[in-house]
Protein backbone atom coordinates (compact mmCIF):
# COMPACT_ATOMS: atom_id res chain seq x y z
CA MET A 1 -42.07 -39.55 16.09
CA GLY A 2 -40.46 -41.29 13.25
CA GLY A 3 -37.45 -38.70 12.77
CA ARG A 4 -39.66 -36.40 10.61
CA LYS A 5 -37.83 -33.08 9.72
CA ILE A 6 -39.96 -29.99 10.37
CA LYS A 7 -39.51 -27.53 7.35
CA THR A 8 -38.72 -24.07 8.08
CA LEU A 9 -40.37 -21.41 6.01
CA PRO A 10 -38.11 -18.39 5.12
CA ASN A 11 -39.88 -15.13 7.18
CA VAL A 12 -38.94 -11.58 7.19
CA VAL A 13 -35.94 -12.04 9.53
CA ILE A 14 -34.59 -14.90 7.52
CA TYR A 15 -34.96 -12.40 4.04
CA ASN A 16 -33.78 -9.55 6.26
CA ALA A 17 -30.45 -11.46 7.26
CA VAL A 18 -29.71 -12.53 3.43
CA ILE A 19 -30.54 -9.03 2.09
CA ASP A 20 -28.17 -7.73 4.79
CA GLY A 21 -25.36 -10.01 3.79
CA LEU A 22 -25.95 -9.14 0.20
CA CYS A 23 -25.56 -5.25 0.89
CA LYS A 24 -22.44 -5.57 2.99
CA GLU A 25 -20.74 -7.48 -0.03
CA GLY A 26 -22.18 -4.43 -2.57
CA LEU A 27 -24.44 -6.78 -4.24
CA VAL A 28 -27.29 -4.22 -3.72
CA SER A 29 -28.82 -5.27 -7.52
CA GLU A 30 -28.99 -9.02 -5.80
CA ALA A 31 -30.75 -7.65 -2.51
CA SER A 32 -33.33 -5.44 -4.15
CA LYS A 33 -34.44 -8.60 -6.48
CA LEU A 34 -34.71 -10.72 -3.39
CA CYS A 35 -36.90 -8.03 -1.59
CA SER A 36 -39.08 -8.31 -4.86
CA GLU A 37 -39.13 -12.04 -3.99
CA MET A 38 -40.29 -11.91 -0.80
CA ILE A 39 -43.19 -9.77 -1.43
CA ARG A 40 -44.42 -12.05 -4.19
CA ARG A 41 -44.06 -14.88 -1.47
CA GLY A 42 -46.39 -12.42 0.25
CA ILE A 43 -44.28 -11.60 2.98
CA SER A 44 -44.17 -7.86 4.05
CA PRO A 45 -40.79 -5.91 4.18
CA ASP A 46 -40.20 -3.70 7.45
CA MET A 47 -38.31 -0.80 8.27
CA VAL A 48 -35.25 -3.05 8.75
CA THR A 49 -35.57 -4.28 5.26
CA TYR A 50 -35.63 -1.03 3.44
CA ASN A 51 -33.26 0.77 5.70
CA THR A 52 -30.71 -2.07 4.73
CA LEU A 53 -31.37 -1.23 1.01
CA ILE A 54 -31.12 2.26 1.48
CA HIS A 55 -27.88 1.97 2.98
CA GLY A 56 -26.84 -0.55 0.45
CA PHE A 57 -27.62 1.96 -2.26
CA SER A 58 -26.14 4.90 -0.65
CA ASN A 59 -22.75 2.99 -0.02
CA THR A 60 -22.60 1.94 -3.66
CA ASN A 61 -23.43 5.89 -4.99
CA GLN A 62 -26.89 4.74 -6.12
CA LEU A 63 -28.56 7.40 -4.51
CA GLN A 64 -31.18 8.10 -6.98
CA GLN A 65 -32.22 4.40 -6.10
CA ALA A 66 -31.97 4.98 -2.53
CA VAL A 67 -34.50 8.40 -2.70
CA ARG A 68 -36.67 6.23 -5.38
CA LEU A 69 -37.22 3.65 -2.45
CA LEU A 70 -37.96 6.01 0.33
CA ASN A 71 -40.70 7.71 -1.93
CA GLU A 72 -41.71 4.34 -2.53
CA ILE A 73 -41.90 3.51 1.17
CA VAL A 74 -44.02 6.94 1.91
CA MET A 75 -46.42 6.12 -1.00
CA LYS A 76 -47.21 2.82 0.78
CA ASP A 77 -48.10 4.84 3.68
CA ILE A 78 -45.32 3.22 5.61
CA SER A 79 -43.60 5.76 7.92
CA PRO A 80 -39.60 5.70 7.37
CA ASP A 81 -37.82 6.51 10.81
CA LEU A 82 -35.25 8.74 11.65
CA TYR A 83 -32.43 6.32 10.47
CA THR A 84 -33.86 6.30 7.53
CA PHE A 85 -33.65 10.08 6.55
CA ASN A 86 -30.34 10.06 8.48
CA ILE A 87 -28.71 7.31 6.18
CA LEU A 88 -29.86 9.65 2.99
CA VAL A 89 -28.72 12.98 4.42
CA ASP A 90 -25.64 11.30 5.20
CA ALA A 91 -25.02 10.20 2.03
CA PHE A 92 -25.65 13.44 0.18
CA CYS A 93 -23.56 15.19 2.41
CA LYS A 94 -20.36 12.60 2.04
CA ARG A 95 -20.47 13.85 -1.48
CA GLY A 96 -21.07 17.21 -1.02
CA ARG A 97 -24.41 17.59 -2.83
CA THR A 98 -26.07 19.53 0.38
CA MET A 99 -29.11 20.84 -1.70
CA GLU A 100 -30.27 17.29 -2.23
CA ALA A 101 -29.84 16.44 1.58
CA GLN A 102 -31.97 19.53 2.48
CA SER A 103 -34.55 17.87 0.15
CA VAL A 104 -34.67 14.72 2.36
CA LEU A 105 -34.79 17.11 5.13
CA ALA A 106 -37.70 18.64 4.04
CA LYS A 107 -39.59 15.03 3.37
CA MET A 108 -38.47 14.29 6.84
CA MET A 109 -40.23 17.24 8.31
CA LYS A 110 -43.16 16.20 6.17
CA CYS A 111 -43.35 12.77 7.80
CA PHE A 112 -43.08 14.49 11.10
CA VAL A 113 -39.67 12.90 11.76
CA LYS A 114 -37.57 15.36 14.06
CA PRO A 115 -33.90 15.57 12.85
CA ASP A 116 -31.47 14.75 15.64
CA VAL A 117 -27.81 15.82 16.45
CA ILE A 118 -26.46 12.92 13.77
CA THR A 119 -28.82 14.93 10.99
CA PHE A 120 -27.46 18.19 11.97
CA THR A 121 -23.79 16.98 12.04
CA SER A 122 -24.06 15.26 8.61
CA LEU A 123 -25.36 18.55 7.06
CA MET A 124 -22.64 20.54 8.78
CA ASN A 125 -20.07 18.32 7.56
CA GLY A 126 -21.32 18.44 3.99
CA TYR A 127 -21.28 22.43 3.96
CA CYS A 128 -17.93 22.15 5.19
CA MET A 129 -16.86 20.07 2.61
CA ARG A 130 -17.93 22.89 0.25
CA ASN A 131 -15.86 25.29 2.27
CA ASP A 132 -19.13 27.16 3.18
CA VAL A 133 -18.25 27.80 6.83
CA ASN A 134 -21.06 30.25 7.27
CA GLU A 135 -23.89 27.97 5.94
CA SER A 136 -22.99 25.15 8.57
CA ILE A 137 -22.76 27.59 11.48
CA ALA A 138 -25.85 28.45 10.58
CA VAL A 139 -26.78 24.81 10.58
CA PHE A 140 -25.03 24.83 14.25
CA ASN A 141 -27.23 27.34 15.38
CA LYS A 142 -30.32 26.02 14.13
CA MET A 143 -29.41 22.94 16.15
CA ILE A 144 -29.13 24.59 19.33
CA ARG A 145 -32.54 26.29 18.55
CA ALA A 146 -34.09 22.96 18.49
CA ASP A 147 -32.51 22.29 21.84
CA LEU A 148 -30.09 19.71 20.83
CA THR A 149 -26.70 19.77 22.57
CA PRO A 150 -23.43 20.08 20.20
CA THR A 151 -20.99 17.53 20.51
CA VAL A 152 -17.06 17.70 20.25
CA TRP A 153 -17.72 16.25 16.83
CA ASN A 154 -19.94 19.20 15.79
CA TYR A 155 -16.92 21.68 17.08
CA ASN A 156 -14.02 19.82 15.48
CA ILE A 157 -15.86 20.43 11.84
CA LEU A 158 -16.13 24.21 12.28
CA ILE A 159 -12.81 24.30 13.74
CA ASN A 160 -11.01 21.90 11.12
CA THR A 161 -12.59 24.01 8.57
CA HIS A 162 -11.96 27.53 9.96
CA CYS A 163 -8.22 25.87 9.81
CA LYS A 164 -8.45 25.00 6.17
CA LEU A 165 -9.40 28.49 5.51
CA LYS A 166 -6.62 29.90 7.61
CA ARG A 167 -9.07 31.65 9.82
CA MET A 168 -7.09 30.88 12.96
CA ASP A 169 -8.78 33.42 15.47
CA GLU A 170 -12.46 31.92 14.64
CA ALA A 171 -11.23 28.31 15.26
CA LEU A 172 -9.23 29.19 18.44
CA ASP A 173 -12.45 31.19 19.67
CA LEU A 174 -14.41 27.86 19.15
CA PHE A 175 -12.18 25.87 20.51
CA LYS A 176 -12.24 28.21 23.89
CA GLU A 177 -16.03 28.13 23.46
CA MET A 178 -16.27 24.35 23.87
CA ARG A 179 -14.08 24.21 26.83
CA CYS A 180 -16.38 26.82 28.36
CA LYS A 181 -19.17 24.28 27.55
CA ASN A 182 -17.06 21.48 29.40
CA LEU A 183 -16.41 19.97 26.41
CA MET A 184 -13.47 18.02 26.44
CA PRO A 185 -11.31 18.57 22.91
CA ASP A 186 -10.22 15.23 21.62
CA THR A 187 -7.21 14.23 19.47
CA VAL A 188 -8.74 15.62 16.57
CA THR A 189 -9.63 18.74 17.82
CA TYR A 190 -5.74 19.10 18.61
CA ASN A 191 -4.43 17.95 15.54
CA SER A 192 -6.72 20.43 13.54
CA LEU A 193 -5.73 23.38 15.43
CA ILE A 194 -2.19 22.44 15.44
CA ASP A 195 -2.11 22.00 11.54
CA GLY A 196 -3.90 25.25 11.12
CA LEU A 197 -1.18 26.93 13.95
CA CYS A 198 1.70 25.42 11.95
CA GLU A 199 0.76 26.63 8.61
CA ALA A 200 0.18 30.18 9.64
CA LYS A 201 3.54 29.57 11.48
CA ARG A 202 2.53 30.63 15.13
CA MET A 203 4.81 28.13 16.59
CA SER A 204 4.73 29.27 19.67
CA HIS A 205 0.90 28.74 20.28
CA VAL A 206 1.82 25.12 18.58
CA LYS A 207 4.05 24.29 21.74
CA ASP A 208 1.50 25.69 24.13
CA LEU A 209 -1.22 23.25 22.44
CA VAL A 210 1.07 19.92 22.23
CA TYR A 211 1.74 20.70 25.88
CA GLU A 212 -2.01 21.35 26.78
CA MET A 213 -2.86 17.84 24.56
CA ARG A 214 -0.27 16.03 26.78
CA CYS A 215 -1.82 17.36 29.94
CA ASN A 216 -5.48 16.43 28.96
CA GLY A 217 -4.23 12.97 28.10
CA HIS A 218 -4.24 12.87 24.51
CA ALA A 219 -0.64 11.69 23.55
CA PRO A 220 0.15 12.83 20.14
CA ASN A 221 -0.31 10.45 17.39
CA ILE A 222 1.26 9.86 14.12
CA ILE A 223 -0.81 12.55 12.28
CA THR A 224 0.27 14.99 14.98
CA CYS A 225 4.17 14.03 14.23
CA ASN A 226 3.61 14.45 10.77
CA ILE A 227 2.17 17.62 11.04
CA LEU A 228 5.20 18.83 13.57
CA LEU A 229 7.65 17.11 11.23
CA ASP A 230 6.41 19.01 8.08
CA ALA A 231 6.27 22.32 9.99
CA PHE A 232 9.83 21.91 11.45
CA CYS A 233 11.16 20.95 7.67
CA LYS A 234 9.43 23.72 6.06
CA THR A 235 11.12 26.18 8.60
CA LYS A 236 14.54 24.72 8.00
CA LEU A 237 14.46 23.21 11.62
CA LEU A 238 16.05 20.22 10.85
CA ASP A 239 17.69 19.16 13.87
CA GLU A 240 14.02 19.51 15.51
CA ALA A 241 12.94 17.48 12.75
CA ILE A 242 15.31 14.52 13.35
CA ALA A 243 14.82 14.51 17.04
CA LEU A 244 11.26 14.50 16.70
CA TYR A 245 11.78 11.11 14.19
CA GLN A 246 13.99 9.51 16.62
CA GLN A 247 11.15 10.28 19.40
CA ILE A 248 8.78 8.86 17.05
CA VAL A 249 10.71 5.56 16.45
CA SER A 250 12.13 5.28 20.36
CA GLN A 251 8.28 5.27 21.56
CA GLY A 252 7.30 2.82 19.30
CA MET A 253 5.28 4.84 16.90
CA LYS A 254 4.98 3.40 13.56
CA PRO A 255 6.13 5.87 11.01
CA THR A 256 3.93 5.73 7.82
CA VAL A 257 5.48 6.57 4.34
CA HIS A 258 4.34 10.16 4.45
CA THR A 259 6.63 10.38 7.66
CA TYR A 260 9.43 9.10 5.80
CA SER A 261 8.43 11.65 2.55
CA ILE A 262 8.03 14.59 4.76
CA LEU A 263 11.47 14.07 6.49
CA ILE A 264 13.55 12.94 3.41
CA ASP A 265 12.07 15.95 1.25
CA GLY A 266 13.37 18.48 4.19
CA LEU A 267 16.85 16.81 4.33
CA CYS A 268 16.97 16.92 0.74
CA LYS A 269 16.14 20.75 0.80
CA GLY A 270 18.32 21.41 3.43
CA GLY A 271 21.39 20.12 2.26
CA ARG A 272 21.67 16.69 4.42
CA LEU A 273 21.17 14.48 1.45
CA HIS A 274 23.72 11.64 2.95
CA LEU A 275 21.03 11.23 6.20
CA ALA A 276 17.97 11.57 3.77
CA ARG A 277 20.19 8.60 1.72
CA GLU A 278 20.25 6.73 4.82
CA ILE A 279 16.69 7.16 5.79
CA PHE A 280 15.16 6.04 2.15
CA GLU A 281 17.72 3.26 2.33
CA LEU A 282 16.19 2.14 5.56
CA LEU A 283 12.55 2.44 3.89
CA LEU A 284 13.39 -0.18 1.30
CA THR A 285 15.12 -2.58 3.49
CA GLU A 286 12.54 -2.50 6.18
CA GLY A 287 9.79 -3.60 3.36
CA HIS A 288 7.86 -0.35 3.21
CA HIS A 289 5.94 0.00 -0.25
CA VAL A 290 7.41 3.28 -1.56
CA ASP A 291 5.22 5.09 -3.87
CA VAL A 292 6.32 7.30 -6.57
CA TYR A 293 6.01 10.43 -4.75
CA THR A 294 8.61 9.22 -2.29
CA TYR A 295 10.91 8.16 -5.34
CA SER A 296 10.51 11.75 -6.89
CA ILE A 297 11.52 13.28 -3.55
CA MET A 298 14.75 11.25 -3.59
CA MET A 299 15.63 11.75 -7.22
CA ASN A 300 14.87 15.50 -6.84
CA GLY A 301 17.47 15.49 -4.07
CA LEU A 302 20.29 13.55 -5.88
CA CYS A 303 19.50 15.34 -9.22
CA LYS A 304 19.99 18.78 -6.87
CA GLU A 305 23.61 17.37 -5.66
CA GLY A 306 24.30 16.58 -9.73
CA LEU A 307 24.50 12.88 -8.75
CA PHE A 308 22.87 12.08 -12.19
CA ASP A 309 23.70 8.46 -12.55
CA ASP A 310 22.61 7.86 -8.83
CA ALA A 311 19.07 9.27 -9.68
CA LEU A 312 19.05 7.27 -12.99
CA THR A 313 19.88 4.16 -10.88
CA LEU A 314 16.98 4.95 -8.34
CA LEU A 315 14.66 5.26 -11.51
CA SER A 316 15.78 1.53 -12.48
CA LYS A 317 15.09 0.35 -9.04
CA MET A 318 11.83 2.06 -8.59
CA LYS A 319 10.65 0.14 -12.09
CA GLU A 320 12.02 -2.90 -10.84
CA ASN A 321 9.88 -2.64 -7.55
CA GLY A 322 6.80 -2.22 -9.83
CA CYS A 323 6.54 1.20 -9.18
CA LEU A 324 5.61 2.94 -12.62
CA THR A 325 7.25 6.50 -13.83
CA ASP A 326 4.80 9.47 -13.55
CA LEU A 327 4.93 12.87 -14.98
CA VAL A 328 6.76 14.26 -11.63
CA THR A 329 9.15 11.92 -11.97
CA PHE A 330 9.94 12.36 -15.44
CA ARG A 331 9.74 16.26 -15.14
CA THR A 332 12.20 15.91 -11.82
CA LEU A 333 15.00 14.18 -14.11
CA VAL A 334 14.73 15.38 -17.50
CA GLY A 335 14.41 19.03 -16.03
CA ALA A 336 17.48 18.40 -13.80
CA LEU A 337 19.79 16.60 -16.65
CA LEU A 338 18.74 19.43 -19.23
CA MET A 339 19.84 21.95 -16.87
CA LYS A 340 23.33 20.42 -16.60
CA LYS A 341 23.31 19.99 -20.30
CA GLU A 342 23.16 16.28 -19.87
CA ASN A 343 20.90 16.13 -23.14
CA ASP A 344 21.82 12.40 -24.35
CA LYS A 345 20.64 10.93 -20.75
CA ALA A 346 17.68 13.38 -20.83
CA GLU A 347 16.67 11.87 -24.85
CA LEU A 348 16.85 8.62 -23.24
CA ILE A 349 14.48 9.11 -20.80
CA ILE A 350 12.09 11.09 -22.65
CA HIS A 351 12.04 7.83 -25.61
CA GLU A 352 11.46 5.46 -22.58
CA MET A 353 8.52 7.40 -21.64
CA ILE A 354 6.87 7.33 -25.23
CA ASP A 355 7.56 3.77 -25.64
CA ALA A 356 6.00 2.94 -22.26
CA GLY A 357 2.89 4.91 -23.99
CA ARG A 358 3.12 7.38 -20.79
CA LEU A 359 4.14 10.34 -22.78
CA LYS A 360 2.70 11.49 -26.33
CA GLN A 361 4.81 12.45 -29.02
């Protein structure tokens, strides 16, 4: 046999693997060139090749390129599959471009490809992103007329949008409807409703919903806790907020910087600056990445109590940690200093911002 090596020629499977790898790295232009080379070598791309490229173009926001490729496929009498169309419908909808998504849907029907639940879900989400809940409901009803069974996610989209638009009665009606259809609400469903009810200050409903959530095997997560924490702080129920924070820590949940920011802001506004400072220091000592928003909250609390030197010290610490002063922080400090007639200190900060190029003269 002489140990001769058999040379393996590239085939469509090998090309597809390389094209997929390039697209996943965001190198779609290189993947497209490789597809052209593949064709020149007499190897015909299949739907896996085209779907990979369309997905790559969509992920890198090159949607016109993706549509061009779809049209090219159709012109070659290659039948795009359901997955092809769903990639494009979803990509347009995620950017709120529902008219273009509808154009893709029309092309889909011309190719005799029936939309599925994923197609309709993407459209519903697209309309809800534009706060067009009525059109989203129309898509939902069209899906039912097409003998497709709605999922929990379909209801979640509508419930979440109703909550954002402060239409809590409609959201709760949908919640009842999904349970009547034996669809079990998930954590996303509960979080949307709890957030909406907290905003509407319907706290008795919130307690019932949190209890039901636990009974149905959905333990509140950090998002749920952040929603409740924010509601307690806004309604000055600071003891409840502190108790919830302690519960988060004791149960091994990881508070986020957003969790701490909510609590610190609530404590500062509620006259409990000492505890707010303790929690802020804990954030720093535990090595959390504290952003400019959290620094601004703490500085605002210090300024409110007339502790301007402490606020300026915190500003220096903020710079040391590589956190740039933004206009919110600037307005907070300068506004407070001017109100207390600390004009020299206010002028110093203004000049610092001008020198750093973050404020125009």
